[in-house]
Protein backbone atom coordinates (compact mmCIF):
# COMPACT_ATOMS: atom_id res chain seq x y z
CA MET A 1 12.38 4.98 -24.39
CA GLN A 2 10.74 8.30 -26.52
CA ALA A 3 7.62 8.94 -28.04
CA ASP A 4 6.35 12.26 -29.47
CA ALA A 5 3.18 12.12 -27.74
CA SER A 6 0.55 9.86 -27.18
CA ILE A 7 -0.19 6.77 -28.93
CA GLN A 8 -2.79 3.85 -28.21
CA HIS A 9 -3.68 0.92 -29.67
CA THR A 10 -6.03 -2.24 -28.93
CA SER A 11 -5.90 -5.41 -29.68
CA ALA A 12 -9.57 -5.52 -30.99
CA HIS A 13 -8.90 -4.50 -34.94
CA LEU A 14 -7.50 -8.32 -34.93
CA PRO A 15 -8.53 -11.23 -35.74
CA GLY A 16 -9.42 -13.26 -32.19
CA PRO A 17 -6.14 -15.63 -33.70
CA ARG A 18 -4.11 -12.89 -34.20
CA GLN A 19 -4.62 -10.98 -30.92
CA TYR A 20 -2.00 -12.16 -28.45
CA ASP A 21 0.31 -12.94 -31.27
CA TRP A 22 -0.08 -9.02 -31.34
CA TRP A 23 -0.35 -8.21 -28.18
CA ARG A 24 3.14 -9.59 -27.28
CA GLU A 25 4.75 -8.11 -29.35
CA ALA A 26 3.37 -4.62 -28.12
CA VAL A 27 4.85 -5.30 -24.71
CA SER A 28 8.51 -5.61 -25.32
CA GLU A 29 7.37 -2.48 -28.11
CA THR A 30 6.12 -0.80 -25.09
CA HIS A 31 7.62 -1.75 -22.12
CA LEU A 32 10.96 -2.99 -22.79
CA PRO A 33 11.57 -6.32 -24.53
CA TRP A 34 9.98 -9.46 -22.56
CA ASP A 35 9.29 -12.56 -23.26
CA LEU A 36 5.51 -14.54 -23.86
CA PRO A 37 5.26 -17.92 -23.99
CA ARG A 38 3.13 -18.53 -27.77
CA ARG A 39 -0.79 -19.61 -26.94
CA SER A 40 -2.61 -21.84 -29.21
CA GLU A 41 -6.03 -20.24 -27.48
CA GLY A 42 -8.56 -17.72 -29.99
CA SER A 43 -9.03 -13.70 -28.87
CA TYR A 44 -6.88 -11.79 -26.90
CA ARG A 45 -8.30 -8.22 -25.16
CA ALA A 46 -5.97 -6.23 -24.37
CA ARG A 47 -5.33 -2.44 -24.87
CA PHE A 48 -2.50 0.49 -24.32
CA ARG A 49 -1.24 4.13 -24.06
CA GLN A 50 2.28 5.45 -24.28
CA GLN A 51 3.36 8.58 -24.18
CA SER A 52 6.55 10.37 -22.65
CA LEU A 53 7.06 12.71 -19.56
CA GLY A 54 10.52 14.64 -21.13
CA ALA A 55 13.11 11.35 -20.60
CA ALA A 56 10.66 9.28 -18.46
CA GLN A 57 7.94 7.41 -19.91
CA ILE A 58 4.02 6.37 -19.32
CA VAL A 59 2.40 3.26 -20.58
CA GLN A 60 -1.67 2.26 -18.78
CA CYS A 61 -2.21 -0.52 -19.80
CA ALA A 62 -5.15 -3.27 -19.65
CA CYS A 63 -5.18 -7.30 -20.37
CA ASP A 64 -6.27 -10.92 -19.94
CA PRO A 65 -4.37 -13.20 -17.83
CA CYS A 66 -1.04 -13.79 -19.41
CA GLU A 67 2.07 -14.27 -18.23
CA GLY A 68 6.50 -13.22 -19.20
CA ARG A 69 9.77 -12.66 -18.22
CA ARG A 70 12.72 -10.73 -18.95
CA GLY A 71 16.12 -13.14 -19.28
CA PRO A 72 19.84 -12.44 -19.77
CA ASP A 73 18.56 -12.51 -23.66
CA GLU A 74 16.09 -10.12 -23.26
CA ILE A 75 17.99 -8.00 -21.00
CA ALA A 76 21.03 -7.36 -23.12
CA GLN A 77 18.71 -6.02 -25.68
CA LEU A 78 18.39 -2.55 -23.25
CA GLN A 79 20.47 0.49 -24.73
CA ALA A 80 19.95 2.23 -21.93
CA PRO A 81 19.01 1.42 -17.45
CA VAL A 82 15.74 2.10 -16.31
CA TYR A 83 13.41 1.74 -13.35
CA GLY A 84 9.99 0.69 -13.74
CA ILE A 85 6.79 1.88 -11.64
CA LEU A 86 4.09 -0.35 -11.74
CA TYR A 87 1.18 1.08 -10.19
CA ILE A 88 -1.76 -1.28 -10.11
CA LEU A 89 -5.50 0.38 -10.83
CA LYS A 90 -7.60 -2.72 -11.14
CA GLY A 91 -6.35 -7.09 -10.65
CA ARG A 92 -3.51 -8.33 -9.29
CA GLU A 93 -0.32 -9.08 -10.59
CA SER A 94 2.43 -11.48 -9.31
CA LEU A 95 6.38 -10.21 -9.57
CA LYS A 96 10.08 -11.54 -8.72
CA GLN A 97 13.10 -10.12 -8.74
CA ALA A 98 16.47 -9.59 -7.26
CA GLY A 99 15.47 -12.54 -5.06
CA ARG A 100 12.04 -11.55 -4.40
CA GLU A 101 8.59 -11.70 -4.87
CA THR A 102 5.86 -10.50 -3.98
CA VAL A 103 1.76 -10.29 -5.32
CA LEU A 104 0.41 -6.59 -5.99
CA GLU A 105 -3.34 -5.87 -5.65
CA GLN A 106 -5.69 -3.13 -6.33
CA GLY A 107 -4.09 0.84 -5.27
CA SER A 108 -0.78 -0.37 -4.69
CA PHE A 109 3.10 -0.11 -6.90
CA THR A 110 6.39 -1.28 -6.44
CA LEU A 111 9.09 -0.17 -8.01
CA TRP A 112 11.68 -2.97 -10.57
CA ASP A 113 14.65 -3.47 -12.31
CA SER A 114 15.83 -3.47 -16.03
CA THR A 115 18.88 -4.47 -15.68
CA ARG A 116 18.01 -7.61 -13.84
CA PRO A 117 16.28 -11.12 -14.26
CA ILE A 118 12.78 -10.40 -13.70
CA GLN A 119 9.34 -12.72 -13.65
CA PHE A 120 5.86 -11.44 -13.65
CA GLY A 121 2.44 -13.08 -13.88
CA LEU A 122 -1.25 -11.99 -13.86
CA PRO A 123 -4.25 -14.67 -12.52
CA GLN A 124 -6.95 -12.06 -14.10
CA ASP A 125 -7.77 -9.04 -15.63
CA LEU A 126 -5.30 -7.01 -15.36
CA GLU A 127 -5.15 -2.53 -15.39
CA LYS A 128 -1.96 -1.00 -14.46
CA ILE A 129 0.45 2.49 -14.48
CA THR A 130 4.32 2.24 -15.25
CA LEU A 131 6.41 4.78 -15.28
CA LEU A 132 9.32 4.19 -16.87
CA LEU A 133 12.52 5.74 -15.68
CA PRO A 134 16.17 6.59 -16.36
CA GLN A 135 17.77 4.63 -13.56
CA ASP A 136 20.49 7.84 -13.41
CA LEU A 137 17.70 10.07 -12.67
CA VAL A 138 16.20 7.90 -9.81
CA ALA A 139 19.43 7.76 -8.40
CA GLU A 140 20.65 11.06 -7.97
CA MET A 141 17.00 11.12 -6.11
CA LEU A 142 17.25 7.64 -4.53
CA PRO A 143 21.20 6.53 -4.40
CA MET A 144 19.75 3.24 -2.55
CA ALA A 145 16.86 2.52 -5.19
CA ALA A 146 18.89 -0.81 -6.59
CA ASP A 147 17.56 -2.37 -2.67
CA LEU A 148 13.93 -1.19 -3.05
CA VAL A 149 12.83 -3.48 -5.89
CA MET A 150 10.08 -4.68 -4.91
CA ARG A 151 8.73 -3.63 -2.25
CA PRO A 152 5.24 -3.78 -1.81
CA ILE A 153 3.48 -0.01 -1.30
CA SER A 154 0.62 1.26 -0.86
CA GLY A 155 -0.83 3.65 -3.20
CA GLN A 156 -4.24 4.69 -0.82
CA ARG A 157 -2.17 6.46 2.68
CA GLY A 158 0.47 8.33 3.09
CA PRO A 159 2.89 9.56 0.61
CA GLY A 160 2.06 6.47 -1.67
CA ALA A 161 -1.66 8.01 -1.57
CA LEU A 162 -0.10 11.38 -3.24
CA PHE A 163 2.48 9.01 -5.57
CA ALA A 164 -0.86 6.93 -6.63
CA THR A 165 -2.41 10.30 -8.06
CA HIS A 166 -0.10 11.86 -9.03
CA LEU A 167 0.51 9.58 -11.22
CA ARG A 168 -3.17 8.53 -12.96
CA ALA A 169 -3.04 12.71 -13.32
CA LEU A 170 0.40 11.80 -15.20
CA ALA A 171 -1.25 9.33 -17.23
CA ARG A 172 -4.76 11.12 -17.67
CA GLU A 173 -3.33 14.80 -18.43
CA GLY A 174 0.37 13.76 -19.38
CA SER A 175 -0.04 14.39 -23.36
CA ASP A 176 -1.33 17.17 -23.50
CA LEU A 177 1.90 19.50 -21.31
CA ALA A 178 3.57 21.31 -23.43
CA PRO A 179 7.19 19.89 -23.73
CA ALA A 180 9.06 22.90 -21.18
CA ARG A 181 7.03 21.96 -19.21
CA ALA A 182 8.02 18.20 -18.96
CA THR A 183 10.72 18.67 -16.84
CA PRO A 184 9.94 20.34 -13.77
CA VAL A 185 7.32 17.49 -13.98
CA LEU A 186 9.64 15.20 -14.40
CA ARG A 187 11.32 16.75 -11.26
CA ALA A 188 7.79 16.59 -8.72
CA THR A 189 7.25 13.12 -10.24
CA LEU A 190 10.35 12.21 -8.60
CA ASP A 191 10.44 13.78 -5.71
CA LEU A 192 6.80 12.32 -5.24
CA LEU A 193 8.91 8.79 -6.00
CA MET A 194 11.74 9.75 -3.26
CA ALA A 195 9.20 10.20 -0.64
CA ALA A 196 6.82 7.79 -1.06
CA MET A 197 10.44 5.00 -1.24
CA ALA A 198 11.70 6.50 1.86
CA PRO A 199 10.77 3.52 4.03
CA GLN A 200 8.59 4.78 6.34
CA ASP A 201 9.53 2.90 9.71
CA ASN A 202 11.74 3.00 12.24
CA GLU A 203 12.91 -0.33 11.94
CA SER A 204 13.23 -0.16 8.35
CA GLU A 205 14.37 3.07 8.42
CA GLY A 206 17.32 2.42 10.02
CA VAL A 207 18.45 -0.64 8.28
CA TYR A 208 18.48 1.31 4.63
CA HIS A 209 20.16 4.37 6.63
CA ARG A 210 22.59 2.17 7.60
CA ALA A 211 23.56 -0.05 4.07
CA LEU A 212 23.34 3.29 2.53
CA ARG A 213 26.03 4.35 4.89
CA ALA A 214 28.09 1.47 4.27
CA ARG A 215 28.11 1.75 0.69
CA ILE A 216 28.85 5.29 1.52
CA GLN A 217 31.83 4.03 3.61
CA ASP A 218 32.98 1.73 0.47
CA PHE A 219 33.06 4.99 -1.44
CA ILE A 220 35.70 6.92 0.57
CA LEU A 221 37.69 3.75 1.50
CA ARG A 222 38.18 2.88 -2.25
CA ASN A 223 39.01 7.01 -2.65
CA LEU A 224 41.77 7.97 1.04
CA ASP A 225 44.35 8.59 -2.36
CA ASP A 226 42.59 11.56 -3.08
CA PRO A 227 44.26 14.25 -1.19
CA ASP A 228 40.77 16.17 -2.02
CA LEU A 229 38.42 13.85 -0.58
CA ASP A 230 35.94 15.79 1.30
CA PRO A 231 32.09 15.76 2.66
CA ASP A 232 31.14 17.47 -0.69
CA ARG A 233 33.48 15.18 -2.88
CA VAL A 234 31.72 12.19 -1.58
CA ALA A 235 28.40 13.42 -1.97
CA ALA A 236 29.15 14.36 -5.69
CA GLY A 237 30.16 10.74 -5.41
CA MET A 238 27.39 9.28 -4.01
CA GLY A 239 24.87 11.45 -6.13
CA ILE A 240 22.91 12.73 -3.21
CA SER A 241 23.22 16.13 -0.93
CA ALA A 242 26.09 17.28 1.28
CA ARG A 243 22.95 17.80 3.70
CA GLN A 244 22.15 13.66 3.25
CA LEU A 245 25.59 12.46 3.83
CA HIS A 246 26.25 14.95 7.50
CA ARG A 247 22.83 13.40 8.85
CA LEU A 248 23.78 9.90 7.96
CA PHE A 249 26.91 9.60 9.21
CA HIS A 250 25.65 11.87 12.47
CA ASP A 251 23.32 9.82 13.58
CA SER A 252 27.14 7.02 14.14
CA GLY A 253 28.13 9.60 15.93
CA LEU A 254 31.06 11.24 13.59
CA THR A 255 31.33 13.61 11.37
CA VAL A 256 32.10 12.59 7.83
CA ASP A 257 35.60 14.12 8.67
CA ARG A 258 36.63 12.83 11.67
CA TRP A 259 35.47 8.75 9.99
CA ILE A 260 37.53 10.54 6.62
CA TRP A 261 40.44 11.55 8.73
CA ARG A 262 40.85 7.97 11.23
CA GLN A 263 40.49 5.66 7.98
CA ARG A 264 43.72 7.31 6.74
CA LEU A 265 45.35 7.52 9.96
CA GLN A 266 44.74 3.32 9.98
CA ARG A 267 45.68 3.01 6.88
CA CYS A 268 49.06 4.49 8.20
CA ARG A 269 49.42 2.69 10.70
CA ASP A 270 48.97 -0.22 9.35
CA ASP A 271 52.02 -0.17 6.16
CA LEU A 272 53.72 1.03 9.61
CA LEU A 273 54.18 -2.61 10.66
CA SER A 274 53.46 -4.11 7.61
CA ARG A 275 55.76 -1.83 4.99
CA PRO A 276 59.27 -1.76 6.90
CA GLN A 277 61.13 -0.56 3.84
CA ALA A 278 58.94 2.00 2.86
CA ARG A 279 59.65 5.47 3.63
CA ILE A 280 57.24 6.98 6.30
CA SER A 281 55.96 10.03 4.32
CA GLU A 282 55.85 7.89 1.14
CA ILE A 283 52.89 5.86 3.34
CA ALA A 284 51.49 8.67 4.19
CA PHE A 285 51.42 10.20 0.96
CA ALA A 286 49.48 6.34 -0.57
CA HIS A 287 46.79 7.06 1.73
CA GLY A 288 44.71 11.37 1.25
CA PHE A 289 48.30 12.88 2.94
CA SER A 290 50.33 16.06 1.01
CA ASP A 291 52.21 17.14 4.45
CA ALA A 292 54.78 15.17 6.14
CA ALA A 293 55.28 17.03 9.73
CA HIS A 294 50.94 17.16 9.55
CA PHE A 295 50.84 14.17 9.38
CA SER A 296 53.03 13.02 11.67
CA ARG A 297 50.87 16.13 14.13
CA ALA A 298 48.09 13.63 13.55
CA PHE A 299 49.53 10.37 14.43
CA ARG A 300 51.60 11.50 17.72
CA ASP A 301 47.56 13.10 18.46
CA ALA A 302 45.44 9.70 17.51
CA PHE A 303 48.08 7.20 19.39
CA GLY A 304 49.72 8.85 21.60
CA VAL A 305 53.40 8.47 19.88
CA SER A 306 55.60 9.39 16.61
CA PRO A 307 55.51 7.16 13.31
CA ARG A 308 59.50 7.21 12.89
CA GLU A 309 58.69 5.81 16.98
CA PHE A 310 55.12 3.44 16.67
CA ARG A 311 57.35 1.66 13.67
CA LYS A 312 60.75 1.83 15.81
CA GLU A 313 58.15 0.20 18.98
CA ARG A 314 57.14 -3.26 17.03
């Protein structure tokens, strides 16, 4: 994905019959591998400008109508997964990915995933900007990015307009940035992207937060046997800040610590019944408790009886 400087190319330097074939190759060189169907028509107008921004790439292109796809063969050629931000300057583009279809009009943008099959179609002349970002960078700021693909966002109002203005400026001026300034500019770009991609209405925001909380809870359940599992470790494991983690659980009515505590005790309670031959201390240690006496007190506080009494009664 690296390019050392701004690169500009156009099909105008080629004879008409060769222009589309040139474009088929150029798309795969600048926008990751793509499969564009062959055609026998004559001339094809297309141009692009490619530049690097630290670990990211910015590609601005204009072209005649065409269509294409990324399937298993093209995905297999990818060295490192990226997210693409597609912003329409002029024209319209239809996209299909992850069971979703969207049509982007002038001034709108969306997120697409290089690791999943995708199709696009251009029914008319198009001008667009594509920002290619390593997925690990995006995940640091937006852990639920994979669930936000193909959601059209307006670049004409609100946080989306701030991001769109910034992206257009990068496409114009990015090649003039000194390498030392690329990283902080990219960080600012990701901040604006996060603000633009985060759901704006209450209903969408609620769905987003519930889905993220469910992923966090799954992470906790898979790591309950770790006695050092705490909110800081959970936040680090999910790639989010501790503040964001606590805010998500505050909305559910439980603190992170309390939720972990409850899950550990519930797992121990289930095992006391399903594993009658196992020692109580063995069950406690298997679910993250490091002290048998401490576990016994916590169990009594939660269920009103000691672990030994609970097993005997049942």
